[in-house]
Amino acid sequence: MDAQIEGLLYQLQTSSQEVPGLGRGLTIEQFNWVPAPGRWSIGQCIEHLNITSERYIPVFKKAIDDGRAAGRVSSAPITLGFLERWFMQSLEPPVRMKFKAPKAFVAPPQLPVDATLERWDAMQAGMAECIRSAEGVDFRRIKVPSQFGPVSFSLGGTFLILLAHERRHLWQAREVRTNPSFPAA
């Protein structure tokens, strides 16, 4: 397996392994508890990531299939343009800059624990499949339309941005879990 693919999968796996410690074993009250008005619960952070993956998986599949069909193959390393690098860095925790999520990406306030975590596992498996299927394609020349706004990023840039996005919201969920007012079981 290509080292870049392994690196992307490693980042995805690191996020995947963090969620059980954040969400499993919580009561529904704890899973849906918000530390302040306008903030998100652990469940909302995870479901926001589920929604994001659900929107991106078919977009990735199409971009990779179209790129491969167009002969956009390369073993060149992932390189990021200025905007991709800036955006990825702005997402990394600890959060320094806030972004307002589009309504379509905001999770409802009440979520079932087990179903949300099962959906997380399924979405992460779908993302891993997309990453594996990208082996050998040109990460720079294949473009992926953003599902958040009217811009496209390179395939490699989009993967890295979404992985930073996961780290951001898992950090946010950890902040909820370690809040002194977090409800006891």
N, C-alpha and C. Protein backbone atom coordinates (compact mmCIF):
# COMPACT_ATOMS: atom_id res chain seq x y z
N MET A 1 0.85 -1.18 0.00
CA MET A 1 0.00 0.00 0.00
C MET A 1 0.89 1.25 0.00
N ASP A 2 0.47 2.24 -0.74
CA ASP A 2 1.17 3.51 -0.84
C ASP A 2 1.28 4.17 0.54
N ALA A 3 2.41 4.78 0.82
CA ALA A 3 2.65 5.42 2.12
C ALA A 3 1.66 6.55 2.40
N GLN A 4 1.26 7.29 1.36
CA GLN A 4 0.29 8.38 1.56
C GLN A 4 -1.07 7.82 1.99
N ILE A 5 -1.46 6.74 1.35
CA ILE A 5 -2.73 6.10 1.70
C ILE A 5 -2.65 5.60 3.15
N GLU A 6 -1.54 4.96 3.49
CA GLU A 6 -1.35 4.49 4.87
C GLU A 6 -1.44 5.65 5.86
N GLY A 7 -0.83 6.78 5.52
CA GLY A 7 -0.87 7.94 6.40
C GLY A 7 -2.28 8.47 6.59
N LEU A 8 -3.04 8.55 5.51
CA LEU A 8 -4.43 9.01 5.61
C LEU A 8 -5.26 8.03 6.44
N LEU A 9 -5.07 6.73 6.19
CA LEU A 9 -5.80 5.72 6.95
C LEU A 9 -5.43 5.75 8.42
N TYR A 10 -4.17 6.01 8.72
CA TYR A 10 -3.73 6.11 10.11
C TYR A 10 -4.45 7.26 10.81
N GLN A 11 -4.52 8.41 10.14
CA GLN A 11 -5.22 9.56 10.74
C GLN A 11 -6.69 9.24 10.96
N LEU A 12 -7.32 8.58 9.99
CA LEU A 12 -8.73 8.20 10.12
C LEU A 12 -8.91 7.21 11.27
N GLN A 13 -8.03 6.23 11.35
CA GLN A 13 -8.12 5.22 12.40
C GLN A 13 -7.95 5.84 13.79
N THR A 14 -7.06 6.82 13.90
CA THR A 14 -6.85 7.50 15.17
C THR A 14 -8.14 8.15 15.64
N SER A 15 -8.83 8.83 14.72
CA SER A 15 -10.13 9.43 15.07
C SER A 15 -11.16 8.36 15.40
N SER A 16 -11.19 7.31 14.59
CA SER A 16 -12.17 6.24 14.80
C SER A 16 -12.03 5.62 16.18
N GLN A 17 -10.81 5.44 16.62
CA GLN A 17 -10.57 4.79 17.91
C GLN A 17 -10.87 5.70 19.09
N GLU A 18 -10.96 6.98 18.86
CA GLU A 18 -11.22 7.91 19.95
C GLU A 18 -12.69 7.94 20.35
N VAL A 19 -13.57 7.72 19.41
CA VAL A 19 -15.00 7.87 19.66
C VAL A 19 -15.55 6.90 20.70
N PRO A 20 -15.17 5.63 20.71
CA PRO A 20 -15.71 4.77 21.77
C PRO A 20 -15.45 5.31 23.18
N GLY A 21 -14.28 5.85 23.42
CA GLY A 21 -13.98 6.42 24.73
C GLY A 21 -14.78 7.67 25.04
N LEU A 22 -15.20 8.38 24.00
CA LEU A 22 -15.98 9.60 24.20
C LEU A 22 -17.47 9.32 24.40
N GLY A 23 -17.98 8.31 23.71
CA GLY A 23 -19.43 8.15 23.67
C GLY A 23 -20.01 6.89 24.28
N ARG A 24 -19.30 5.79 24.20
CA ARG A 24 -19.86 4.54 24.71
C ARG A 24 -19.98 4.59 26.23
N GLY A 25 -21.06 4.02 26.71
CA GLY A 25 -21.28 3.98 28.15
C GLY A 25 -21.94 5.22 28.72
N LEU A 26 -22.17 6.22 27.88
CA LEU A 26 -22.84 7.42 28.36
C LEU A 26 -24.35 7.20 28.39
N THR A 27 -25.01 7.87 29.32
CA THR A 27 -26.46 7.88 29.31
C THR A 27 -26.92 8.79 28.18
N ILE A 28 -28.16 8.70 27.82
CA ILE A 28 -28.69 9.58 26.77
C ILE A 28 -28.61 11.04 27.22
N GLU A 29 -28.79 11.28 28.53
CA GLU A 29 -28.68 12.64 29.05
C GLU A 29 -27.25 13.17 28.88
N GLN A 30 -26.26 12.36 29.21
CA GLN A 30 -24.87 12.77 29.07
C GLN A 30 -24.50 12.98 27.60
N PHE A 31 -24.93 12.08 26.74
CA PHE A 31 -24.61 12.13 25.31
C PHE A 31 -25.16 13.40 24.66
N ASN A 32 -26.31 13.87 25.17
CA ASN A 32 -26.99 15.03 24.58
C ASN A 32 -26.85 16.31 25.40
N TRP A 33 -26.03 16.28 26.44
CA TRP A 33 -25.83 17.45 27.30
C TRP A 33 -25.01 18.52 26.59
N VAL A 34 -25.47 19.76 26.66
CA VAL A 34 -24.72 20.88 26.07
C VAL A 34 -24.20 21.77 27.19
N PRO A 35 -22.95 22.19 27.09
CA PRO A 35 -22.36 22.99 28.17
C PRO A 35 -22.89 24.42 28.25
N ALA A 36 -23.46 24.92 27.16
CA ALA A 36 -23.99 26.29 27.14
C ALA A 36 -24.87 26.43 25.91
N PRO A 37 -25.80 27.39 25.93
CA PRO A 37 -26.60 27.62 24.73
C PRO A 37 -25.70 27.92 23.53
N GLY A 38 -26.08 27.36 22.40
CA GLY A 38 -25.31 27.58 21.18
C GLY A 38 -24.11 26.66 21.03
N ARG A 39 -23.84 25.84 22.02
CA ARG A 39 -22.74 24.87 21.95
C ARG A 39 -23.32 23.51 21.60
N TRP A 40 -22.48 22.58 21.22
CA TRP A 40 -22.92 21.25 20.82
C TRP A 40 -22.62 20.21 21.89
N SER A 41 -23.45 19.18 21.91
CA SER A 41 -23.23 18.04 22.79
C SER A 41 -22.22 17.08 22.15
N ILE A 42 -21.81 16.08 22.91
CA ILE A 42 -20.96 15.03 22.36
C ILE A 42 -21.66 14.37 21.18
N GLY A 43 -22.93 14.06 21.36
CA GLY A 43 -23.71 13.43 20.29
C GLY A 43 -23.77 14.29 19.04
N GLN A 44 -23.99 15.58 19.20
CA GLN A 44 -24.05 16.47 18.05
C GLN A 44 -22.71 16.57 17.34
N CYS A 45 -21.61 16.57 18.09
CA CYS A 45 -20.28 16.61 17.46
C CYS A 45 -20.09 15.36 16.58
N ILE A 46 -20.43 14.21 17.13
CA ILE A 46 -20.25 12.96 16.39
C ILE A 46 -21.20 12.89 15.20
N GLU A 47 -22.45 13.27 15.42
CA GLU A 47 -23.41 13.21 14.31
C GLU A 47 -23.08 14.23 13.23
N HIS A 48 -22.54 15.37 13.59
CA HIS A 48 -22.09 16.34 12.59
C HIS A 48 -21.03 15.70 11.69
N LEU A 49 -20.12 14.96 12.29
CA LEU A 49 -19.10 14.25 11.50
C LEU A 49 -19.72 13.16 10.65
N ASN A 50 -20.73 12.49 11.17
CA ASN A 50 -21.45 11.48 10.38
C ASN A 50 -22.11 12.11 9.16
N ILE A 51 -22.78 13.23 9.38
CA ILE A 51 -23.45 13.94 8.28
C ILE A 51 -22.42 14.36 7.23
N THR A 52 -21.29 14.88 7.70
CA THR A 52 -20.23 15.32 6.78
C THR A 52 -19.72 14.15 5.94
N SER A 53 -19.42 13.04 6.59
CA SER A 53 -18.94 11.86 5.85
C SER A 53 -19.99 11.36 4.88
N GLU A 54 -21.24 11.33 5.32
CA GLU A 54 -22.33 10.86 4.46
C GLU A 54 -22.44 11.71 3.19
N ARG A 55 -22.20 13.00 3.32
CA ARG A 55 -22.26 13.89 2.16
C ARG A 55 -21.03 13.75 1.26
N TYR A 56 -19.87 13.47 1.86
CA TYR A 56 -18.63 13.41 1.09
C TYR A 56 -18.35 12.06 0.45
N ILE A 57 -18.79 10.96 1.02
CA ILE A 57 -18.46 9.64 0.48
C ILE A 57 -18.85 9.51 -0.99
N PRO A 58 -20.09 9.82 -1.39
CA PRO A 58 -20.42 9.70 -2.82
C PRO A 58 -19.65 10.70 -3.69
N VAL A 59 -19.33 11.86 -3.15
CA VAL A 59 -18.57 12.86 -3.90
C VAL A 59 -17.15 12.35 -4.14
N PHE A 60 -16.54 11.76 -3.10
CA PHE A 60 -15.21 11.16 -3.25
C PHE A 60 -15.23 10.05 -4.30
N LYS A 61 -16.22 9.16 -4.19
CA LYS A 61 -16.29 8.02 -5.13
C LYS A 61 -16.37 8.52 -6.56
N LYS A 62 -17.21 9.51 -6.80
CA LYS A 62 -17.36 10.03 -8.17
C LYS A 62 -16.08 10.70 -8.64
N ALA A 63 -15.47 11.52 -7.79
CA ALA A 63 -14.25 12.23 -8.17
C ALA A 63 -13.12 11.24 -8.49
N ILE A 64 -12.99 10.21 -7.68
CA ILE A 64 -11.94 9.21 -7.89
C ILE A 64 -12.21 8.41 -9.16
N ASP A 65 -13.45 7.96 -9.34
CA ASP A 65 -13.80 7.20 -10.56
C ASP A 65 -13.60 8.06 -11.80
N ASP A 66 -14.08 9.30 -11.76
CA ASP A 66 -13.92 10.19 -12.92
C ASP A 66 -12.45 10.50 -13.19
N GLY A 67 -11.69 10.72 -12.13
CA GLY A 67 -10.27 11.00 -12.29
C GLY A 67 -9.51 9.82 -12.89
N ARG A 68 -9.81 8.64 -12.41
CA ARG A 68 -9.16 7.44 -12.92
C ARG A 68 -9.53 7.24 -14.39
N ALA A 69 -10.82 7.44 -14.71
CA ALA A 69 -11.29 7.29 -16.10
C ALA A 69 -10.63 8.31 -17.03
N ALA A 70 -10.31 9.49 -16.49
CA ALA A 70 -9.67 10.53 -17.30
C ALA A 70 -8.15 10.37 -17.34
N GLY A 71 -7.66 9.32 -16.72
CA GLY A 71 -6.22 9.07 -16.73
C GLY A 71 -5.43 9.93 -15.76
N ARG A 72 -6.10 10.46 -14.75
CA ARG A 72 -5.40 11.28 -13.75
C ARG A 72 -4.80 10.37 -12.69
N VAL A 73 -3.70 9.77 -13.04
CA VAL A 73 -2.99 8.87 -12.12
C VAL A 73 -1.59 9.45 -11.88
N SER A 74 -1.10 9.21 -10.67
CA SER A 74 0.22 9.74 -10.32
C SER A 74 0.65 9.13 -8.99
N SER A 75 1.93 9.06 -8.81
CA SER A 75 2.46 8.64 -7.51
C SER A 75 3.07 9.83 -6.78
N ALA A 76 2.81 11.03 -7.29
CA ALA A 76 3.35 12.25 -6.67
C ALA A 76 2.72 12.44 -5.29
N PRO A 77 3.47 13.03 -4.38
CA PRO A 77 2.94 13.24 -3.03
C PRO A 77 1.83 14.28 -3.01
N ILE A 78 1.02 14.20 -1.97
CA ILE A 78 -0.01 15.20 -1.76
C ILE A 78 0.68 16.53 -1.47
N THR A 79 0.30 17.54 -2.21
CA THR A 79 0.77 18.90 -1.92
C THR A 79 -0.46 19.78 -1.80
N LEU A 80 -0.39 20.72 -0.90
CA LEU A 80 -1.53 21.59 -0.66
C LEU A 80 -1.26 22.99 -1.17
N GLY A 81 -2.29 23.58 -1.75
CA GLY A 81 -2.22 24.97 -2.13
C GLY A 81 -2.37 25.84 -0.89
N PHE A 82 -2.16 27.14 -1.06
CA PHE A 82 -2.23 28.07 0.07
C PHE A 82 -3.57 27.98 0.80
N LEU A 83 -4.69 28.06 0.05
CA LEU A 83 -6.02 28.05 0.66
C LEU A 83 -6.27 26.73 1.38
N GLU A 84 -5.88 25.61 0.77
CA GLU A 84 -6.07 24.31 1.42
C GLU A 84 -5.28 24.24 2.73
N ARG A 85 -4.03 24.67 2.68
CA ARG A 85 -3.17 24.63 3.87
C ARG A 85 -3.74 25.53 4.97
N TRP A 86 -4.17 26.73 4.60
CA TRP A 86 -4.74 27.66 5.57
C TRP A 86 -6.01 27.07 6.19
N PHE A 87 -6.88 26.53 5.35
CA PHE A 87 -8.15 26.01 5.85
C PHE A 87 -7.92 24.80 6.76
N MET A 88 -7.02 23.92 6.36
CA MET A 88 -6.72 22.75 7.18
C MET A 88 -6.17 23.19 8.53
N GLN A 89 -5.24 24.12 8.53
CA GLN A 89 -4.64 24.57 9.78
C GLN A 89 -5.65 25.30 10.68
N SER A 90 -6.61 25.98 10.07
CA SER A 90 -7.62 26.69 10.86
C SER A 90 -8.59 25.73 11.54
N LEU A 91 -8.65 24.50 11.07
CA LEU A 91 -9.53 23.50 11.67
C LEU A 91 -8.88 22.73 12.81
N GLU A 92 -7.57 22.71 12.84
CA GLU A 92 -6.86 21.90 13.84
C GLU A 92 -7.13 22.39 15.26
N PRO A 93 -7.33 21.44 16.18
CA PRO A 93 -7.46 21.84 17.58
C PRO A 93 -6.10 22.23 18.16
N PRO A 94 -6.09 23.00 19.22
CA PRO A 94 -7.27 23.58 19.87
C PRO A 94 -7.90 24.65 19.00
N VAL A 95 -9.19 24.76 19.09
CA VAL A 95 -9.94 25.66 18.23
C VAL A 95 -9.59 27.11 18.56
N ARG A 96 -9.18 27.82 17.54
CA ARG A 96 -8.85 29.23 17.68
C ARG A 96 -9.83 30.10 16.88
N MET A 97 -10.41 29.50 15.86
CA MET A 97 -11.31 30.23 14.97
C MET A 97 -12.61 29.44 14.87
N LYS A 98 -13.72 30.12 15.07
CA LYS A 98 -15.01 29.44 14.99
C LYS A 98 -15.61 29.63 13.60
N PHE A 99 -16.29 28.58 13.15
CA PHE A 99 -17.02 28.60 11.88
C PHE A 99 -18.46 28.20 12.18
N LYS A 100 -19.38 28.79 11.49
CA LYS A 100 -20.78 28.42 11.65
C LYS A 100 -21.10 27.33 10.62
N ALA A 101 -21.56 26.19 11.11
CA ALA A 101 -21.90 25.07 10.22
C ALA A 101 -23.19 25.38 9.47
N PRO A 102 -23.24 25.07 8.18
CA PRO A 102 -24.50 25.21 7.45
C PRO A 102 -25.59 24.34 8.09
N LYS A 103 -26.82 24.80 8.02
CA LYS A 103 -27.94 24.09 8.66
C LYS A 103 -28.00 22.61 8.30
N ALA A 104 -27.70 22.28 7.06
CA ALA A 104 -27.78 20.88 6.62
C ALA A 104 -26.76 19.99 7.34
N PHE A 105 -25.76 20.58 7.99
CA PHE A 105 -24.71 19.82 8.68
C PHE A 105 -24.86 19.87 10.20
N VAL A 106 -25.91 20.52 10.70
CA VAL A 106 -26.12 20.62 12.14
C VAL A 106 -26.98 19.45 12.59
N ALA A 107 -26.48 18.73 13.57
CA ALA A 107 -27.20 17.57 14.10
C ALA A 107 -28.34 18.02 15.01
N PRO A 108 -29.38 17.19 15.10
CA PRO A 108 -30.48 17.54 16.01
C PRO A 108 -30.01 17.50 17.47
N PRO A 109 -30.75 18.15 18.35
CA PRO A 109 -30.31 18.24 19.75
C PRO A 109 -30.43 16.94 20.54
N GLN A 110 -31.28 16.03 20.12
CA GLN A 110 -31.46 14.76 20.83
C GLN A 110 -31.12 13.61 19.90
N LEU A 111 -30.13 12.83 20.31
CA LEU A 111 -29.66 11.72 19.47
C LEU A 111 -29.55 10.44 20.31
N PRO A 112 -29.89 9.31 19.71
CA PRO A 112 -29.72 8.04 20.42
C PRO A 112 -28.23 7.66 20.45
N VAL A 113 -27.75 7.19 21.57
CA VAL A 113 -26.33 6.90 21.73
C VAL A 113 -25.89 5.79 20.78
N ASP A 114 -26.49 4.61 20.91
CA ASP A 114 -26.01 3.44 20.14
C ASP A 114 -26.13 3.64 18.64
N ALA A 115 -27.26 4.16 18.18
CA ALA A 115 -27.45 4.35 16.73
C ALA A 115 -26.47 5.37 16.17
N THR A 116 -26.18 6.42 16.91
CA THR A 116 -25.23 7.44 16.45
C THR A 116 -23.83 6.86 16.36
N LEU A 117 -23.45 6.04 17.35
CA LEU A 117 -22.12 5.44 17.34
C LEU A 117 -22.00 4.35 16.27
N GLU A 118 -23.07 3.62 16.02
CA GLU A 118 -23.06 2.63 14.93
C GLU A 118 -22.93 3.34 13.58
N ARG A 119 -23.61 4.45 13.45
CA ARG A 119 -23.51 5.24 12.22
C ARG A 119 -22.08 5.78 12.05
N TRP A 120 -21.45 6.18 13.15
CA TRP A 120 -20.05 6.62 13.12
C TRP A 120 -19.17 5.51 12.53
N ASP A 121 -19.34 4.31 13.05
CA ASP A 121 -18.53 3.18 12.56
C ASP A 121 -18.74 2.97 11.07
N ALA A 122 -19.99 3.04 10.62
CA ALA A 122 -20.30 2.83 9.20
C ALA A 122 -19.72 3.95 8.33
N MET A 123 -19.84 5.18 8.78
CA MET A 123 -19.31 6.31 8.00
C MET A 123 -17.78 6.26 7.94
N GLN A 124 -17.14 5.88 9.03
CA GLN A 124 -15.68 5.77 9.04
C GLN A 124 -15.23 4.66 8.10
N ALA A 125 -15.97 3.56 8.07
CA ALA A 125 -15.64 2.47 7.14
C ALA A 125 -15.79 2.96 5.70
N GLY A 126 -16.81 3.75 5.43
CA GLY A 126 -17.00 4.32 4.09
C GLY A 126 -15.88 5.27 3.70
N MET A 127 -15.43 6.07 4.65
CA MET A 127 -14.32 6.98 4.37
C MET A 127 -13.03 6.20 4.12
N ALA A 128 -12.81 5.14 4.90
CA ALA A 128 -11.61 4.31 4.71
C ALA A 128 -11.63 3.68 3.32
N GLU A 129 -12.79 3.24 2.89
CA GLU A 129 -12.92 2.66 1.55
C GLU A 129 -12.58 3.69 0.47
N CYS A 130 -13.03 4.92 0.65
CA CYS A 130 -12.72 5.99 -0.30
C CYS A 130 -11.21 6.23 -0.35
N ILE A 131 -10.58 6.29 0.81
CA ILE A 131 -9.14 6.54 0.85
C ILE A 131 -8.40 5.40 0.15
N ARG A 132 -8.76 4.16 0.45
CA ARG A 132 -8.09 3.02 -0.19
C ARG A 132 -8.28 3.05 -1.71
N SER A 133 -9.47 3.44 -2.14
CA SER A 133 -9.76 3.44 -3.58
C SER A 133 -8.99 4.53 -4.32
N ALA A 134 -8.42 5.48 -3.58
CA ALA A 134 -7.69 6.58 -4.20
C ALA A 134 -6.23 6.22 -4.49
N GLU A 135 -5.82 5.03 -4.15
CA GLU A 135 -4.42 4.66 -4.39
C GLU A 135 -4.10 4.76 -5.88
N GLY A 136 -3.03 5.48 -6.19
CA GLY A 136 -2.56 5.61 -7.56
C GLY A 136 -3.15 6.76 -8.35
N VAL A 137 -4.15 7.46 -7.79
CA VAL A 137 -4.71 8.59 -8.54
C VAL A 137 -3.93 9.86 -8.20
N ASP A 138 -4.13 10.87 -9.00
CA ASP A 138 -3.43 12.14 -8.82
C ASP A 138 -4.17 12.97 -7.77
N PHE A 139 -3.60 13.03 -6.58
CA PHE A 139 -4.24 13.73 -5.47
C PHE A 139 -4.35 15.23 -5.70
N ARG A 140 -3.55 15.77 -6.59
CA ARG A 140 -3.54 17.22 -6.83
C ARG A 140 -4.50 17.62 -7.96
N ARG A 141 -4.51 16.85 -9.03
CA ARG A 141 -5.29 17.24 -10.21
C ARG A 141 -6.76 16.86 -10.13
N ILE A 142 -7.10 15.90 -9.30
CA ILE A 142 -8.51 15.55 -9.13
C ILE A 142 -9.12 16.54 -8.14
N LYS A 143 -10.18 17.18 -8.56
CA LYS A 143 -10.84 18.20 -7.73
C LYS A 143 -12.11 17.63 -7.10
N VAL A 144 -12.38 18.09 -5.89
CA VAL A 144 -13.55 17.66 -5.13
C VAL A 144 -14.33 18.90 -4.73
N PRO A 145 -15.59 19.00 -5.16
CA PRO A 145 -16.37 20.17 -4.76
C PRO A 145 -16.68 20.14 -3.27
N SER A 146 -16.45 21.25 -2.59
CA SER A 146 -16.76 21.33 -1.17
C SER A 146 -18.26 21.19 -0.97
N GLN A 147 -18.63 20.50 0.07
CA GLN A 147 -20.05 20.36 0.41
C GLN A 147 -20.49 21.47 1.36
N PHE A 148 -19.54 22.33 1.74
CA PHE A 148 -19.82 23.43 2.66
C PHE A 148 -19.97 24.77 1.96
N GLY A 149 -19.51 24.88 0.72
CA GLY A 149 -19.57 26.16 0.03
C GLY A 149 -19.09 26.04 -1.40
N PRO A 150 -19.14 27.14 -2.14
CA PRO A 150 -18.85 27.12 -3.57
C PRO A 150 -17.35 27.15 -3.89
N VAL A 151 -16.63 26.11 -3.50
CA VAL A 151 -15.21 26.02 -3.78
C VAL A 151 -14.87 24.55 -3.99
N SER A 152 -13.80 24.30 -4.70
CA SER A 152 -13.30 22.93 -4.86
C SER A 152 -11.87 22.88 -4.36
N PHE A 153 -11.54 21.76 -3.79
CA PHE A 153 -10.18 21.51 -3.33
C PHE A 153 -9.66 20.27 -4.04
N SER A 154 -8.35 20.08 -3.98
CA SER A 154 -7.79 18.86 -4.54
C SER A 154 -8.25 17.67 -3.71
N LEU A 155 -8.20 16.49 -4.30
CA LEU A 155 -8.58 15.27 -3.59
C LEU A 155 -7.75 15.12 -2.32
N GLY A 156 -6.43 15.24 -2.44
CA GLY A 156 -5.57 15.12 -1.27
C GLY A 156 -5.88 16.18 -0.23
N GLY A 157 -6.08 17.41 -0.69
CA GLY A 157 -6.43 18.50 0.23
C GLY A 157 -7.74 18.25 0.94
N THR A 158 -8.72 17.73 0.22
CA THR A 158 -10.03 17.46 0.83
C THR A 158 -9.91 16.37 1.88
N PHE A 159 -9.18 15.30 1.58
CA PHE A 159 -8.98 14.27 2.59
C PHE A 159 -8.35 14.87 3.85
N LEU A 160 -7.28 15.65 3.68
CA LEU A 160 -6.58 16.21 4.84
C LEU A 160 -7.44 17.22 5.60
N ILE A 161 -8.22 18.01 4.88
CA ILE A 161 -9.13 18.97 5.52
C ILE A 161 -10.18 18.24 6.34
N LEU A 162 -10.76 17.19 5.78
CA LEU A 162 -11.80 16.45 6.52
C LEU A 162 -11.22 15.73 7.74
N LEU A 163 -10.00 15.26 7.64
CA LEU A 163 -9.37 14.62 8.80
C LEU A 163 -9.09 15.66 9.90
N ALA A 164 -8.68 16.86 9.52
CA ALA A 164 -8.51 17.94 10.50
C ALA A 164 -9.86 18.32 11.10
N HIS A 165 -10.89 18.31 10.27
CA HIS A 165 -12.26 18.60 10.72
C HIS A 165 -12.70 17.59 11.77
N GLU A 166 -12.37 16.31 11.56
CA GLU A 166 -12.69 15.29 12.56
C GLU A 166 -11.97 15.57 13.87
N ARG A 167 -10.69 15.86 13.78
CA ARG A 167 -9.92 16.14 15.00
C ARG A 167 -10.52 17.33 15.76
N ARG A 168 -10.96 18.33 15.01
CA ARG A 168 -11.55 19.53 15.63
C ARG A 168 -12.78 19.17 16.45
N HIS A 169 -13.69 18.41 15.85
CA HIS A 169 -14.95 18.11 16.55
C HIS A 169 -14.79 17.04 17.62
N LEU A 170 -13.81 16.17 17.49
CA LEU A 170 -13.55 15.22 18.57
C LEU A 170 -12.91 15.95 19.75
N TRP A 171 -12.07 16.93 19.48
CA TRP A 171 -11.53 17.79 20.53
C TRP A 171 -12.68 18.51 21.23
N GLN A 172 -13.62 19.04 20.44
CA GLN A 172 -14.78 19.74 20.98
C GLN A 172 -15.60 18.80 21.87
N ALA A 173 -15.78 17.55 21.45
CA ALA A 173 -16.52 16.57 22.25
C ALA A 173 -15.78 16.26 23.55
N ARG A 174 -14.45 16.16 23.49
CA ARG A 174 -13.66 15.93 24.72
C ARG A 174 -13.81 17.10 25.69
N GLU A 175 -13.87 18.31 25.13
CA GLU A 175 -14.07 19.48 25.98
C GLU A 175 -15.41 19.40 26.71
N VAL A 176 -16.44 18.90 26.04
CA VAL A 176 -17.75 18.72 26.68
C VAL A 176 -17.61 17.68 27.80
N ARG A 177 -16.99 16.57 27.47
CA ARG A 177 -16.87 15.45 28.43
C ARG A 177 -16.07 15.85 29.67
N THR A 178 -15.10 16.73 29.53
CA THR A 178 -14.28 17.12 30.68
C THR A 178 -14.77 18.40 31.36
N ASN A 179 -15.89 18.93 30.90
CA ASN A 179 -16.47 20.13 31.51
C ASN A 179 -16.83 19.81 32.97
N PRO A 180 -16.49 20.68 33.91
CA PRO A 180 -16.81 20.42 35.33
C PRO A 180 -18.30 20.21 35.60
N SER A 181 -19.15 20.75 34.74
CA SER A 181 -20.61 20.61 34.94
C SER A 181 -21.20 19.40 34.23
N PHE A 182 -20.35 18.60 33.57
CA PHE A 182 -20.84 17.42 32.84
C PHE A 182 -21.61 16.54 33.83
N PRO A 183 -22.83 16.10 33.44
CA PRO A 183 -23.66 15.34 34.38
C PRO A 183 -23.03 13.99 34.76
N ALA A 184 -23.19 13.65 36.03
CA ALA A 184 -22.72 12.35 36.51
C ALA A 184 -23.65 11.25 36.00
N ALA A 185 -23.12 10.06 35.90
CA ALA A 185 -23.93 8.92 35.40
C ALA A 185 -25.03 8.58 36.37
